[in-house]
Amino acid sequence: MTWFWILLTALAAGAGLRYLARLHSATSGRSFAVDDAAVRRILEEGSLETDEGDEGPLDLEEAARAEEEFWAESWDEPEEYSR
């Protein structure tokens, strides 16, 4: 029975280490942080330039179409559970 708990602990530790490694690799390429100077620049200029890849301006018409499509979907009412 002791082997079961040892195995379970080892699996949990391995999963935790894997999660931390994945989290670190996902954020290691991003070195940009919003600080007070960045907030002031946003308030003064209305935008903030970064070194990140520029994807160009947003297509507001496409965003509006996607929003209309989202809200046009039919929604099922949630079932109420008896208490």
C-alpha atoms as a PDB file:
ATOM      1  CA  MET A   1       0.000   0.000   0.000  1.00  0.00           C
ATOM      2  CA  THR A   2       2.931   2.327   0.620  1.00  0.00           C
ATOM      3  CA  TRP A   3       4.054   1.918  -2.980  1.00  0.00           C
ATOM      4  CA  PHE A   4       0.735   3.322  -4.147  1.00  0.00           C
ATOM      5  CA  TRP A   5       1.249   6.588  -2.235  1.00  0.00           C
ATOM      6  CA  ILE A   6       4.861   6.852  -3.388  1.00  0.00           C
ATOM      7  CA  LEU A   7       3.772   6.392  -7.008  1.00  0.00           C
ATOM      8  CA  LEU A   8       0.923   8.889  -6.608  1.00  0.00           C
ATOM      9  CA  THR A   9       3.270  11.476  -5.083  1.00  0.00           C
ATOM     10  CA  ALA A  10       5.821  10.968  -7.866  1.00  0.00           C
ATOM     11  CA  LEU A  11       3.131  11.407 -10.536  1.00  0.00           C
ATOM     12  CA  ALA A  12       1.847  14.595  -8.880  1.00  0.00           C
ATOM     13  CA  ALA A  13       5.383  15.998  -8.599  1.00  0.00           C
ATOM     14  CA  GLY A  14       6.098  15.138 -12.252  1.00  0.00           C
ATOM     15  CA  ALA A  15       2.875  16.798 -13.369  1.00  0.00           C
ATOM     16  CA  GLY A  16       3.730  19.915 -11.345  1.00  0.00           C
ATOM     17  CA  LEU A  17       7.228  20.136 -12.823  1.00  0.00           C
ATOM     18  CA  ARG A  18       5.852  19.650 -16.330  1.00  0.00           C
ATOM     19  CA  TYR A  19       3.315  22.428 -15.745  1.00  0.00           C
ATOM     20  CA  LEU A  20       5.998  24.812 -14.488  1.00  0.00           C
ATOM     21  CA  ALA A  21       8.250  24.020 -17.452  1.00  0.00           C
ATOM     22  CA  ARG A  22       5.412  24.657 -19.902  1.00  0.00           C
ATOM     23  CA  LEU A  23       4.489  27.880 -18.116  1.00  0.00           C
ATOM     24  CA  HIS A  24       8.100  29.059 -18.205  1.00  0.00           C
ATOM     25  CA  SER A  25       8.525  28.253 -21.911  1.00  0.00           C
ATOM     26  CA  ALA A  26       5.298  30.081 -22.788  1.00  0.00           C
ATOM     27  CA  THR A  27       6.359  33.277 -21.029  1.00  0.00           C
ATOM     28  CA  SER A  28      10.097  33.214 -21.714  1.00  0.00           C
ATOM     29  CA  GLY A  29       9.748  34.902 -25.112  1.00  0.00           C
ATOM     30  CA  ARG A  30       7.762  37.785 -23.673  1.00  0.00           C
ATOM     31  CA  SER A  31       9.811  40.374 -21.884  1.00  0.00           C
ATOM     32  CA  PHE A  32       7.336  43.249 -22.086  1.00  0.00           C
ATOM     33  CA  ALA A  33       5.785  44.628 -18.923  1.00  0.00           C
ATOM     34  CA  VAL A  34       3.380  47.505 -18.464  1.00  0.00           C
ATOM     35  CA  ASP A  35       4.839  49.979 -16.002  1.00  0.00           C
ATOM     36  CA  ASP A  36       3.965  53.548 -14.971  1.00  0.00           C
ATOM     37  CA  ALA A  37       5.745  55.065 -17.958  1.00  0.00           C
ATOM     38  CA  ALA A  38       3.825  52.813 -20.339  1.00  0.00           C
ATOM     39  CA  VAL A  39       0.520  53.771 -18.719  1.00  0.00           C
ATOM     40  CA  ARG A  40       1.383  57.478 -19.025  1.00  0.00           C
ATOM     41  CA  ARG A  41       2.228  56.988 -22.698  1.00  0.00           C
ATOM     42  CA  ILE A  42      -1.091  55.216 -23.265  1.00  0.00           C
ATOM     43  CA  LEU A  43      -2.983  58.040 -21.580  1.00  0.00           C
ATOM     44  CA  GLU A  44      -1.118  60.759 -23.490  1.00  0.00           C
ATOM     45  CA  GLU A  45      -0.870  59.184 -26.957  1.00  0.00           C
ATOM     46  CA  GLY A  46      -3.732  56.696 -26.865  1.00  0.00           C
ATOM     47  CA  SER A  47      -1.532  53.739 -27.850  1.00  0.00           C
ATOM     48  CA  LEU A  48       1.599  51.865 -26.881  1.00  0.00           C
ATOM     49  CA  GLU A  49       4.258  50.653 -29.292  1.00  0.00           C
ATOM     50  CA  THR A  50       6.007  47.386 -28.444  1.00  0.00           C
ATOM     51  CA  ASP A  51       8.701  45.230 -29.960  1.00  0.00           C
ATOM     52  CA  GLU A  52       6.194  42.410 -30.380  1.00  0.00           C
ATOM     53  CA  GLY A  53       5.212  41.457 -33.925  1.00  0.00           C
ATOM     54  CA  ASP A  54       2.806  43.993 -35.344  1.00  0.00           C
ATOM     55  CA  GLU A  55      -0.237  42.299 -36.811  1.00  0.00           C
ATOM     56  CA  GLY A  56      -1.605  45.538 -38.179  1.00  0.00           C
ATOM     57  CA  PRO A  57      -4.760  47.393 -37.231  1.00  0.00           C
ATOM     58  CA  LEU A  58      -7.810  45.495 -36.104  1.00  0.00           C
ATOM     59  CA  ASP A  59     -10.600  44.942 -38.620  1.00  0.00           C
ATOM     60  CA  LEU A  60     -13.509  46.516 -36.768  1.00  0.00           C
ATOM     61  CA  GLU A  61     -16.058  45.356 -39.349  1.00  0.00           C
ATOM     62  CA  GLU A  62     -14.936  41.742 -38.912  1.00  0.00           C
ATOM     63  CA  ALA A  63     -15.143  42.128 -35.136  1.00  0.00           C
ATOM     64  CA  ALA A  64     -18.659  43.567 -35.434  1.00  0.00           C
ATOM     65  CA  ARG A  65     -19.724  40.668 -37.677  1.00  0.00           C
ATOM     66  CA  ALA A  66     -18.305  38.139 -35.215  1.00  0.00           C
ATOM     67  CA  GLU A  67     -20.112  39.829 -32.331  1.00  0.00           C
ATOM     68  CA  GLU A  68     -23.422  39.871 -34.212  1.00  0.00           C
ATOM     69  CA  GLU A  69     -22.971  36.203 -35.100  1.00  0.00           C
ATOM     70  CA  PHE A  70     -22.262  35.382 -31.448  1.00  0.00           C
ATOM     71  CA  TRP A  71     -25.343  37.151 -30.126  1.00  0.00           C
ATOM     72  CA  ALA A  72     -27.549  35.805 -32.937  1.00  0.00           C
ATOM     73  CA  GLU A  73     -27.006  32.215 -31.762  1.00  0.00           C
ATOM     74  CA  SER A  74     -29.904  30.607 -30.001  1.00  0.00           C
ATOM     75  CA  TRP A  75     -29.337  29.959 -26.335  1.00  0.00           C
ATOM     76  CA  ASP A  76     -30.942  27.152 -24.417  1.00  0.00           C
ATOM     77  CA  GLU A  77     -32.337  28.141 -21.088  1.00  0.00           C
ATOM     78  CA  PRO A  78     -30.573  26.403 -18.203  1.00  0.00           C
ATOM     79  CA  GLU A  79     -32.442  23.553 -16.604  1.00  0.00           C
ATOM     80  CA  GLU A  80     -33.523  24.225 -13.080  1.00  0.00           C
ATOM     81  CA  TYR A  81     -32.789  21.550 -10.545  1.00  0.00           C
ATOM     82  CA  SER A  82     -35.381  20.744  -7.971  1.00  0.00           C
ATOM     83  CA  ARG A  83     -34.261  21.154  -4.402  1.00  0.00           C
END
